[in-house]
N, C-alpha and C. Protein backbone atom coordinates (compact mmCIF):
# COMPACT_ATOMS: atom_id res chain seq x y z
N MET A 1 115.09 113.14 118.65
CA MET A 1 113.91 112.53 118.76
C MET A 1 113.98 111.49 120.11
N ARG A 2 112.75 111.29 120.83
CA ARG A 2 112.75 110.73 121.94
C ARG A 2 111.66 109.78 122.18
N ILE A 3 111.93 108.63 122.65
CA ILE A 3 110.94 107.48 122.82
C ILE A 3 110.88 107.14 124.10
N GLY A 4 109.71 107.32 124.74
CA GLY A 4 109.78 107.06 126.33
C GLY A 4 110.74 107.56 127.01
N GLY A 5 111.28 108.80 126.40
CA GLY A 5 112.08 109.73 127.27
C GLY A 5 113.64 109.59 126.92
N GLU A 6 113.80 108.55 126.19
CA GLU A 6 115.07 108.23 125.79
C GLU A 6 115.61 108.59 124.79
N SER A 7 116.54 109.57 124.08
CA SER A 7 117.22 110.10 122.86
C SER A 7 117.37 108.86 121.96
N ILE A 8 117.04 109.09 120.69
CA ILE A 8 117.49 107.93 119.74
C ILE A 8 118.34 108.33 119.04
N GLY A 9 119.15 107.29 119.14
CA GLY A 9 120.49 107.67 118.33
C GLY A 9 121.63 108.29 119.01
N TYR A 10 121.34 109.30 119.98
CA TYR A 10 122.57 109.95 120.63
C TYR A 10 122.48 109.88 122.10
N ARG A 11 123.48 110.22 122.96
CA ARG A 11 123.72 110.38 124.21
C ARG A 11 124.00 111.67 124.54
N GLN A 12 123.95 112.12 125.81
CA GLN A 12 124.69 113.26 126.29
C GLN A 12 125.84 112.62 127.46
N ARG A 13 127.05 113.31 126.87
CA ARG A 13 128.40 112.69 127.75
C ARG A 13 129.09 114.14 127.54
N ASN A 14 129.26 114.27 129.01
CA ASN A 14 130.16 115.66 129.48
C ASN A 14 129.34 116.95 128.81
N GLY A 15 127.80 117.19 128.63
CA GLY A 15 127.30 118.21 127.89
C GLY A 15 127.32 118.21 126.59
N GLN A 16 127.47 116.94 125.81
CA GLN A 16 127.65 117.16 124.63
C GLN A 16 127.04 115.79 124.14
N ARG A 17 126.24 116.33 122.79
CA ARG A 17 125.69 115.01 122.23
C ARG A 17 126.60 114.41 121.32
N VAL A 18 126.64 113.37 121.69
CA VAL A 18 127.23 112.34 120.93
C VAL A 18 126.85 110.90 120.57
N ARG A 19 127.02 110.21 119.43
CA ARG A 19 126.17 109.22 118.59
C ARG A 19 126.22 108.06 119.52
N ALA A 20 125.30 107.22 119.98
CA ALA A 20 124.87 106.36 120.76
C ALA A 20 125.91 104.92 119.99
N SER A 21 126.42 104.15 121.06
CA SER A 21 127.24 102.98 120.10
C SER A 21 126.51 102.36 119.57
N GLU A 22 126.55 101.32 118.82
CA GLU A 22 126.07 100.37 117.84
C GLU A 22 125.32 99.48 118.22
N ARG A 23 125.38 99.08 119.57
CA ARG A 23 125.06 98.29 120.46
C ARG A 23 123.59 98.78 120.94
N GLU A 24 123.76 100.14 121.46
CA GLU A 24 122.79 100.76 122.03
C GLU A 24 121.65 101.15 120.70
N ILE A 25 122.22 101.49 119.68
CA ILE A 25 121.34 101.72 118.58
C ILE A 25 120.69 100.52 118.08
N ALA A 26 121.23 99.57 118.28
CA ALA A 26 120.23 98.11 117.57
C ALA A 26 119.36 97.98 118.70
N GLY A 27 119.66 98.26 120.13
CA GLY A 27 118.44 98.04 121.21
C GLY A 27 117.21 98.94 121.18
N GLN A 28 117.51 100.21 120.37
CA GLN A 28 116.52 101.20 120.10
C GLN A 28 115.84 100.88 118.90
N ARG A 29 116.52 100.24 117.78
CA ARG A 29 115.71 99.60 116.70
C ARG A 29 114.89 98.64 117.11
N ALA A 30 115.09 97.73 118.17
CA ALA A 30 114.30 96.66 118.30
C ALA A 30 113.06 96.93 119.20
N MET A 31 113.12 98.49 119.24
CA MET A 31 112.04 98.90 120.08
C MET A 31 110.94 99.36 119.40
N THR A 32 111.48 99.75 118.05
CA THR A 32 110.57 100.61 116.98
C THR A 32 110.16 99.66 115.85
N GLY A 33 109.23 99.70 115.51
CA GLY A 33 108.24 99.10 114.43
C GLY A 33 108.37 99.95 112.98
N MET A 34 108.80 99.28 112.08
CA MET A 34 108.75 100.41 110.94
C MET A 34 108.13 99.45 109.59
N VAL A 35 107.01 100.35 108.82
CA VAL A 35 106.34 100.00 107.84
C VAL A 35 107.13 100.62 106.69
N PHE A 36 107.26 100.04 105.77
CA PHE A 36 107.74 101.27 104.53
C PHE A 36 106.77 101.09 103.41
N GLN A 37 107.03 101.91 102.28
CA GLN A 37 106.04 102.08 101.42
C GLN A 37 106.10 101.15 100.15
N ALA A 38 107.47 100.47 100.48
CA ALA A 38 107.53 99.30 99.51
C ALA A 38 107.15 97.86 99.96
N PHE A 39 106.88 97.69 100.85
CA PHE A 39 106.84 96.44 101.55
C PHE A 39 108.09 95.89 102.35
N ASN A 40 109.18 95.68 101.62
CA ASN A 40 110.15 95.31 101.76
C ASN A 40 109.87 93.71 102.27
N LEU A 41 108.93 93.05 101.70
CA LEU A 41 108.94 91.71 102.27
C LEU A 41 110.35 90.75 101.54
N PHE A 42 110.66 89.48 102.06
CA PHE A 42 111.69 88.65 101.71
C PHE A 42 110.53 87.73 100.63
N PRO A 43 111.07 88.10 99.50
CA PRO A 43 110.59 87.46 98.50
C PRO A 43 110.49 85.83 98.20
N HIS A 44 111.44 85.14 98.84
CA HIS A 44 111.39 83.75 98.54
C HIS A 44 110.73 83.14 100.12
N MET A 45 110.29 83.96 101.04
CA MET A 45 109.40 83.34 102.08
C MET A 45 108.07 83.91 102.08
N SER A 46 107.39 82.85 102.82
CA SER A 46 105.92 82.91 103.08
C SER A 46 105.41 84.16 103.74
N ALA A 47 104.52 84.40 104.12
CA ALA A 47 103.69 85.40 104.73
C ALA A 47 104.43 85.02 106.10
N LEU A 48 103.98 83.86 106.67
CA LEU A 48 104.51 83.28 108.01
C LEU A 48 105.87 83.32 108.03
N ASP A 49 106.60 82.98 107.25
CA ASP A 49 107.94 82.95 107.58
C ASP A 49 108.67 84.62 107.67
N ASN A 50 107.99 85.46 106.96
CA ASN A 50 108.21 86.93 106.82
C ASN A 50 108.06 87.67 108.48
N VAL A 51 107.06 86.83 108.83
CA VAL A 51 106.48 87.59 110.18
C VAL A 51 107.51 86.69 111.36
N THR A 52 107.79 85.54 111.03
CA THR A 52 108.39 84.93 112.32
C THR A 52 109.73 85.10 112.46
N LEU A 53 110.50 85.68 111.22
CA LEU A 53 111.98 85.85 111.20
C LEU A 53 112.42 86.61 112.41
N GLY A 54 111.92 87.96 112.35
CA GLY A 54 112.28 88.80 113.26
C GLY A 54 112.06 88.04 114.93
N LEU A 55 111.25 87.55 115.02
CA LEU A 55 110.92 86.87 116.24
C LEU A 55 111.66 85.71 116.73
N THR A 56 112.37 85.00 115.81
CA THR A 56 113.06 83.82 116.18
C THR A 56 114.60 84.25 115.89
N ARG A 57 114.74 85.53 115.14
CA ARG A 57 116.24 85.65 115.04
C ARG A 57 116.93 86.61 116.16
N VAL A 58 115.67 87.76 116.18
CA VAL A 58 115.89 89.09 116.90
C VAL A 58 115.57 88.88 118.49
N ARG A 59 114.23 88.37 118.46
CA ARG A 59 113.82 88.27 119.94
C ARG A 59 114.51 86.66 120.50
N GLY A 60 114.92 85.66 119.88
CA GLY A 60 115.20 84.58 120.22
C GLY A 60 114.00 83.76 120.70
N MET A 61 112.77 83.82 120.21
CA MET A 61 111.80 83.14 120.55
C MET A 61 111.74 81.61 119.77
N PRO A 62 111.18 80.93 120.55
CA PRO A 62 111.01 79.55 120.22
C PRO A 62 110.38 79.63 118.71
N ARG A 63 110.36 78.65 117.79
CA ARG A 63 109.41 78.79 116.62
C ARG A 63 108.17 78.57 116.88
N ARG A 64 107.91 77.69 117.68
CA ARG A 64 106.43 77.21 118.14
C ARG A 64 105.57 78.64 118.25
N GLN A 65 106.35 79.10 119.27
CA GLN A 65 105.62 80.39 120.12
C GLN A 65 105.82 81.48 118.80
N ALA A 66 106.79 81.74 118.03
CA ALA A 66 106.76 82.69 117.07
C ALA A 66 105.72 82.74 116.11
N VAL A 67 105.33 81.19 115.66
CA VAL A 67 104.42 80.94 114.55
C VAL A 67 102.82 81.24 115.18
N GLU A 68 102.69 80.93 116.62
CA GLU A 68 101.63 81.37 117.22
C GLU A 68 101.38 82.85 117.07
N LEU A 69 102.23 83.49 117.58
CA LEU A 69 102.35 85.16 117.40
C LEU A 69 102.06 85.43 116.09
N ALA A 70 102.50 85.04 115.13
CA ALA A 70 102.46 85.53 113.99
C ALA A 70 101.20 85.11 113.41
N ASP A 71 100.87 83.94 113.76
CA ASP A 71 99.18 83.72 113.00
C ASP A 71 98.20 84.52 113.69
N HIS A 72 98.67 84.91 115.32
CA HIS A 72 97.33 85.95 115.85
C HIS A 72 97.83 87.15 115.00
N TRP A 73 98.61 87.74 114.44
CA TRP A 73 98.72 89.15 113.90
C TRP A 73 98.60 89.02 112.76
N LEU A 74 98.43 87.70 111.67
CA LEU A 74 98.21 87.81 110.48
C LEU A 74 96.51 87.76 110.61
N GLU A 75 96.03 86.81 111.78
CA GLU A 75 94.55 86.97 111.77
C GLU A 75 94.13 88.28 111.91
N ARG A 76 94.98 89.06 112.61
CA ARG A 76 94.40 90.69 113.07
C ARG A 76 94.32 91.32 111.80
N VAL A 77 95.13 91.32 110.87
CA VAL A 77 95.35 91.79 109.55
C VAL A 77 94.58 91.56 108.46
N GLY A 78 93.79 90.04 108.70
CA GLY A 78 93.01 89.65 107.76
C GLY A 78 93.95 88.86 106.68
N MET A 79 95.08 88.29 107.07
CA MET A 79 96.10 87.74 106.14
C MET A 79 96.13 86.25 106.77
N LEU A 80 95.37 85.55 107.44
CA LEU A 80 95.70 84.20 107.68
C LEU A 80 95.46 83.48 107.03
N GLU A 81 94.64 83.44 106.23
CA GLU A 81 94.40 82.44 105.15
C GLU A 81 95.39 82.46 104.08
N ARG A 82 96.01 83.60 103.85
CA ARG A 82 97.08 83.96 103.09
C ARG A 82 98.74 83.44 103.50
N ARG A 83 98.85 82.72 104.83
CA ARG A 83 99.98 82.94 105.61
C ARG A 83 100.98 81.90 104.76
N ASP A 84 100.83 81.21 104.01
CA ASP A 84 101.57 80.09 103.24
C ASP A 84 102.02 80.95 101.99
N HIS A 85 101.40 81.83 101.34
CA HIS A 85 101.41 82.70 100.19
C HIS A 85 103.04 83.32 100.28
N ARG A 86 104.00 83.14 99.04
CA ARG A 86 104.74 84.11 99.01
C ARG A 86 104.29 85.66 98.51
N PRO A 87 105.44 86.83 98.80
CA PRO A 87 105.02 87.99 98.45
C PRO A 87 104.32 88.00 96.93
N ALA A 88 104.95 87.47 95.87
CA ALA A 88 104.34 87.58 94.59
C ALA A 88 102.99 87.08 94.39
N GLN A 89 102.65 85.98 95.17
CA GLN A 89 101.41 85.52 95.27
C GLN A 89 100.19 86.47 96.05
N LEU A 90 100.64 87.36 96.41
CA LEU A 90 99.81 88.29 97.36
C LEU A 90 99.49 90.14 96.30
N SER A 91 98.38 90.47 96.78
CA SER A 91 98.38 91.85 96.21
C SER A 91 99.11 93.22 96.98
N GLY A 92 99.34 94.33 96.63
CA GLY A 92 100.29 94.93 97.16
C GLY A 92 99.42 95.49 98.46
N GLY A 93 98.29 95.66 98.50
CA GLY A 93 97.74 95.87 99.96
C GLY A 93 97.77 94.42 100.95
N GLN A 94 97.65 93.27 100.38
CA GLN A 94 97.96 91.98 101.10
C GLN A 94 99.49 91.94 101.53
N GLN A 95 100.41 92.60 100.76
CA GLN A 95 101.88 92.63 101.19
C GLN A 95 102.09 93.58 102.46
N GLN A 96 101.30 94.73 102.38
CA GLN A 96 101.31 95.61 102.93
C GLN A 96 100.91 95.19 104.49
N ARG A 97 99.85 94.76 104.36
CA ARG A 97 99.29 93.89 105.73
C ARG A 97 100.13 92.92 106.20
N VAL A 98 100.87 92.05 105.62
CA VAL A 98 101.70 91.17 106.07
C VAL A 98 103.08 92.10 106.46
N ALA A 99 103.40 93.15 106.01
CA ALA A 99 104.61 93.95 106.74
C ALA A 99 103.98 94.35 107.90
N ILE A 100 102.90 94.98 107.86
CA ILE A 100 102.35 95.24 109.25
C ILE A 100 102.01 94.49 110.39
N ALA A 101 101.76 93.08 109.91
CA ALA A 101 101.94 91.84 110.95
C ALA A 101 103.33 91.61 111.41
N ARG A 102 104.23 91.79 110.69
CA ARG A 102 105.56 91.51 110.85
C ARG A 102 105.95 92.48 112.01
N ALA A 103 106.04 93.96 111.79
CA ALA A 103 106.56 94.98 112.47
C ALA A 103 105.63 95.00 113.67
N ILE A 104 104.19 94.75 113.90
CA ILE A 104 103.87 94.74 115.30
C ILE A 104 103.93 93.67 116.01
N ALA A 105 104.18 92.30 115.19
CA ALA A 105 104.65 91.33 116.21
C ALA A 105 105.74 91.29 117.40
N MET A 106 106.41 92.19 116.72
CA MET A 106 107.89 92.31 117.42
C MET A 106 107.55 93.42 118.84
N ASN A 107 106.17 93.49 119.24
CA ASN A 107 105.92 94.30 120.23
C ASN A 107 106.80 95.41 120.28
N PRO A 108 106.30 96.46 119.49
CA PRO A 108 107.48 97.76 119.33
C PRO A 108 106.86 98.81 120.45
N ARG A 109 107.53 99.67 120.74
CA ARG A 109 106.93 100.71 121.50
C ARG A 109 106.37 101.87 120.88
N VAL A 110 106.67 101.95 119.62
CA VAL A 110 105.94 102.98 118.62
C VAL A 110 106.49 102.29 116.85
N MET A 111 105.41 102.70 116.24
CA MET A 111 105.26 102.21 114.85
C MET A 111 105.61 103.40 114.09
N LEU A 112 106.27 103.12 113.04
CA LEU A 112 106.61 104.10 112.20
C LEU A 112 105.99 103.89 110.87
N PHE A 113 105.08 104.39 109.97
CA PHE A 113 104.73 104.15 109.00
C PHE A 113 105.39 105.11 107.72
N ASP A 114 105.99 104.95 107.02
CA ASP A 114 106.57 105.47 105.87
C ASP A 114 105.70 105.64 104.48
N GLU A 115 104.52 106.44 104.33
CA GLU A 115 103.84 106.59 103.21
C GLU A 115 103.31 104.81 102.83
N ALA A 116 102.60 104.65 103.71
CA ALA A 116 102.50 103.05 103.75
C ALA A 116 101.24 102.49 102.52
N THR A 117 100.70 103.75 102.21
CA THR A 117 99.97 103.56 100.99
C THR A 117 100.03 103.94 99.78
N SER A 118 101.43 104.76 99.87
CA SER A 118 101.75 105.00 98.71
C SER A 118 101.98 104.62 97.17
N ALA A 119 102.40 103.17 97.51
CA ALA A 119 102.44 102.18 96.38
C ALA A 119 101.40 101.18 96.05
N LEU A 120 100.06 101.60 96.77
CA LEU A 120 98.97 100.57 96.47
C LEU A 120 98.27 101.53 95.47
N ASP A 121 97.06 100.62 94.75
CA ASP A 121 96.23 101.22 93.92
C ASP A 121 95.10 101.62 94.70
N PRO A 122 94.11 102.24 94.06
CA PRO A 122 92.97 102.80 95.38
C PRO A 122 92.41 101.95 95.88
N GLU A 123 91.82 100.90 95.48
CA GLU A 123 91.33 99.83 95.97
C GLU A 123 91.80 99.07 97.31
N ARG A 124 93.32 99.31 97.02
CA ARG A 124 93.85 98.57 98.28
C ARG A 124 94.38 99.43 99.41
N VAL A 125 94.39 100.63 99.07
CA VAL A 125 94.64 101.66 100.11
C VAL A 125 93.81 101.70 101.53
N GLY A 126 92.11 101.49 101.30
CA GLY A 126 91.50 101.27 102.24
C GLY A 126 91.73 100.15 103.23
N GLU A 127 91.97 98.72 102.68
CA GLU A 127 92.88 97.54 103.37
C GLU A 127 93.65 98.22 104.47
N VAL A 128 94.37 98.70 104.17
CA VAL A 128 96.00 99.35 105.05
C VAL A 128 95.63 100.27 105.95
N LEU A 129 94.56 101.14 105.50
CA LEU A 129 94.22 102.18 106.54
C LEU A 129 93.13 101.73 107.69
N GLU A 130 92.48 100.86 107.39
CA GLU A 130 91.56 100.04 108.01
C GLU A 130 92.45 99.36 109.05
N THR A 131 93.38 98.79 108.89
CA THR A 131 94.39 97.92 109.39
C THR A 131 95.16 99.00 110.46
N ILE A 132 95.45 100.18 109.99
CA ILE A 132 96.25 101.41 110.94
C ILE A 132 95.04 101.78 111.93
N ARG A 133 94.10 102.21 111.62
CA ARG A 133 93.11 102.56 112.10
C ARG A 133 92.64 101.75 113.27
N SER A 134 92.76 100.33 113.13
CA SER A 134 92.24 99.42 113.99
C SER A 134 93.41 99.62 115.27
N LEU A 135 94.53 99.90 114.67
CA LEU A 135 95.72 99.97 115.67
C LEU A 135 95.61 101.33 116.45
N ALA A 136 95.40 102.33 115.92
CA ALA A 136 95.66 103.56 116.66
C ALA A 136 94.08 103.47 117.48
N GLN A 137 93.05 102.88 117.42
CA GLN A 137 91.80 102.59 118.25
C GLN A 137 92.14 102.02 119.57
N GLU A 138 93.47 101.07 119.36
CA GLU A 138 93.56 100.22 120.45
C GLU A 138 94.93 100.77 121.09
N GLY A 139 95.35 102.20 121.15
CA GLY A 139 96.46 102.83 121.61
C GLY A 139 97.64 102.88 121.19
N MET A 140 98.06 101.92 120.04
CA MET A 140 99.18 102.24 119.50
C MET A 140 100.08 103.56 119.29
N THR A 141 101.06 103.73 119.51
CA THR A 141 101.83 104.97 119.42
C THR A 141 102.33 104.69 118.22
N MET A 142 102.08 105.55 117.06
CA MET A 142 102.57 105.79 115.88
C MET A 142 102.59 107.18 115.12
N VAL A 143 103.71 107.05 114.26
CA VAL A 143 104.24 108.26 113.54
C VAL A 143 104.02 107.85 112.00
N LEU A 144 102.71 108.50 111.36
CA LEU A 144 102.59 108.29 109.99
C LEU A 144 102.70 109.37 109.08
N VAL A 145 103.35 108.95 108.21
CA VAL A 145 104.00 109.80 107.09
C VAL A 145 102.82 109.40 105.92
N THR A 146 102.11 110.41 105.57
CA THR A 146 100.98 110.26 104.78
C THR A 146 100.56 111.39 103.95
N HIS A 147 99.99 111.21 102.75
CA HIS A 147 99.21 112.25 101.85
C HIS A 147 97.81 112.32 102.11
N GLU A 148 97.26 111.20 102.81
CA GLU A 148 95.83 110.80 103.16
C GLU A 148 95.17 111.99 104.18
N MET A 149 94.64 112.97 103.73
CA MET A 149 94.54 114.06 104.81
C MET A 149 93.35 113.60 105.63
N ARG A 150 92.55 113.08 104.78
CA ARG A 150 90.95 112.93 105.77
C ARG A 150 91.55 111.61 106.58
N PHE A 151 92.19 110.82 106.31
CA PHE A 151 92.86 109.57 107.28
C PHE A 151 93.66 110.32 108.44
N ALA A 152 94.50 110.96 107.96
CA ALA A 152 95.31 112.03 109.27
C ALA A 152 94.27 112.66 110.10
N ARG A 153 93.38 113.25 109.42
CA ARG A 153 92.50 113.95 110.21
C ARG A 153 91.42 113.25 111.34
N ASP A 154 91.21 111.95 110.72
CA ASP A 154 90.19 111.21 111.66
C ASP A 154 90.98 110.49 112.38
N VAL A 155 92.36 110.05 112.51
CA VAL A 155 92.69 109.07 113.12
C VAL A 155 94.01 109.71 114.19
N SER A 156 94.21 110.88 113.84
CA SER A 156 95.48 111.47 114.83
C SER A 156 95.15 112.04 115.83
N ASP A 157 96.12 112.33 116.84
CA ASP A 157 95.96 112.98 118.10
C ASP A 157 96.83 114.45 117.78
N LYS A 158 97.55 114.51 116.96
CA LYS A 158 98.55 115.77 116.69
C LYS A 158 98.99 115.44 115.33
N VAL A 159 99.01 116.41 114.53
CA VAL A 159 99.46 116.33 113.15
C VAL A 159 100.72 117.51 113.08
N VAL A 160 101.51 117.11 112.48
CA VAL A 160 102.95 117.91 111.81
C VAL A 160 102.61 118.06 110.45
N PHE A 161 102.37 119.41 109.83
CA PHE A 161 102.57 119.65 108.38
C PHE A 161 103.92 120.15 108.11
N MET A 162 104.65 119.37 107.23
CA MET A 162 106.06 119.84 106.90
C MET A 162 106.12 120.20 105.57
N ASP A 163 106.95 121.19 105.17
CA ASP A 163 107.26 121.68 104.04
C ASP A 163 108.66 121.89 103.52
N SER A 164 109.22 121.49 102.62
CA SER A 164 110.67 121.36 102.41
C SER A 164 111.43 121.02 103.38
N GLY A 165 110.93 119.91 104.23
CA GLY A 165 111.80 119.35 105.47
C GLY A 165 111.74 120.06 106.64
N ARG A 166 110.84 120.97 106.74
CA ARG A 166 110.71 122.05 107.88
C ARG A 166 109.26 121.84 108.26
N ILE A 167 109.23 121.93 109.66
CA ILE A 167 107.43 122.11 110.37
C ILE A 167 107.19 123.46 109.72
N ALA A 168 105.91 123.46 109.11
CA ALA A 168 104.99 124.70 108.92
C ALA A 168 103.90 124.91 109.85
N GLU A 169 103.59 123.78 110.39
CA GLU A 169 102.47 123.73 111.44
C GLU A 169 102.19 122.63 112.23
N GLN A 170 101.75 122.80 113.21
CA GLN A 170 101.46 121.54 114.08
C GLN A 170 100.30 122.06 115.13
N GLY A 171 99.63 120.64 115.32
CA GLY A 171 98.63 120.98 116.36
C GLY A 171 97.61 119.65 116.31
N PRO A 172 96.29 120.24 116.97
CA PRO A 172 95.47 118.93 116.93
C PRO A 172 94.47 119.06 115.51
N PRO A 173 94.43 118.07 115.03
CA PRO A 173 93.88 117.53 113.67
C PRO A 173 92.59 118.72 113.57
N ALA A 174 91.65 118.70 114.40
CA ALA A 174 90.52 119.76 114.27
C ALA A 174 90.65 120.99 114.24
N THR A 175 91.88 121.41 114.67
CA THR A 175 92.22 122.79 114.57
C THR A 175 93.11 122.97 113.63
N LEU A 176 94.24 122.25 112.73
CA LEU A 176 95.07 122.46 111.64
C LEU A 176 94.10 122.37 110.48
N PHE A 177 93.04 121.39 110.51
CA PHE A 177 92.58 121.25 109.24
C PHE A 177 91.14 121.90 108.96
N SER A 178 90.77 122.74 110.11
CA SER A 178 89.75 123.84 110.10
C SER A 178 89.89 125.26 109.86
N THR A 179 91.31 125.60 110.59
CA THR A 179 91.80 126.90 110.66
C THR A 179 93.31 127.04 110.59
N PRO A 180 93.85 126.22 109.38
CA PRO A 180 95.07 126.25 109.36
C PRO A 180 95.75 128.00 109.36
N GLU A 181 97.04 128.18 109.73
CA GLU A 181 97.39 129.36 109.75
C GLU A 181 98.70 129.56 108.76
N SER A 182 99.18 128.72 108.46
CA SER A 182 100.38 128.57 107.31
C SER A 182 100.08 129.02 105.98
N PRO A 183 100.36 129.80 105.54
CA PRO A 183 99.77 129.97 103.72
C PRO A 183 100.06 128.71 103.18
N ARG A 184 101.28 128.15 103.62
CA ARG A 184 101.37 126.81 102.47
C ARG A 184 100.54 125.84 103.16
N LEU A 185 99.96 125.52 104.12
CA LEU A 185 99.00 124.24 104.53
C LEU A 185 97.81 124.65 104.00
N GLN A 186 97.30 125.89 104.25
CA GLN A 186 96.18 126.78 103.81
C GLN A 186 96.02 126.25 102.17
N ALA A 187 97.16 126.57 101.27
CA ALA A 187 96.92 125.92 99.89
C ALA A 187 97.01 124.51 99.89
N PHE A 188 97.77 123.94 100.54
CA PHE A 188 97.51 122.30 100.34
C PHE A 188 96.47 121.99 100.43
N LEU A 189 95.72 122.68 101.53
CA LEU A 189 94.26 121.92 102.20
C LEU A 189 93.29 122.59 100.78
N LYS A 190 93.27 123.28 100.05
CA LYS A 190 92.62 123.67 98.80
C LYS A 190 92.84 122.74 97.82
N THR A 191 93.62 122.04 97.66
CA THR A 191 94.02 121.13 96.52
C THR A 191 93.56 119.72 96.94
N SER A 192 93.64 119.41 98.42
CA SER A 192 93.40 118.11 98.69
C SER A 192 92.07 117.54 98.94
N SER A 193 91.60 116.29 98.97
CA SER A 193 90.23 115.85 98.99
C SER A 193 89.64 115.38 100.58
N LEU A 194 89.23 116.65 101.21
CA LEU A 194 89.06 116.46 102.72
C LEU A 194 87.52 116.05 102.76
């Protein structure tokens, strides 16, 4: 995998692919935002503190500046009024939006979403998808793992359909969803709600 032309986790040395140093990998991780399906917020910290932690500890940003940036992103995801609440006081959708604010505040070059809606009840899925849609419309580079086929069709520039860990088909969403070639994708789309 490459981000901005840079091989992630590996380097070429003497014609061989070798694992990058831990320092290089840490630098690469800092340019990648990740939103997990299980939120992974720190339960003892407020929404605000969950967002500012990486800014102050990893980026070395002064607390005041980190709070301003955190407030900006919490407002963008509709969570500013809940900034002082701990995760247990938030719904699943609200926790996921805080997790998105936390990741995007770090100013990543790419955002990774791993089934960001799978742990949510149906009423909360829309909140999170709308936040992701907004980021996509602003040009944020994202890799989104999802079973939300309608959303993938509407938001993506490119769709990769995987089956048993292998790419079964890939291409523009209009093509993939209207004229799928692989039998596995054809069968999958028959059972999904598009």
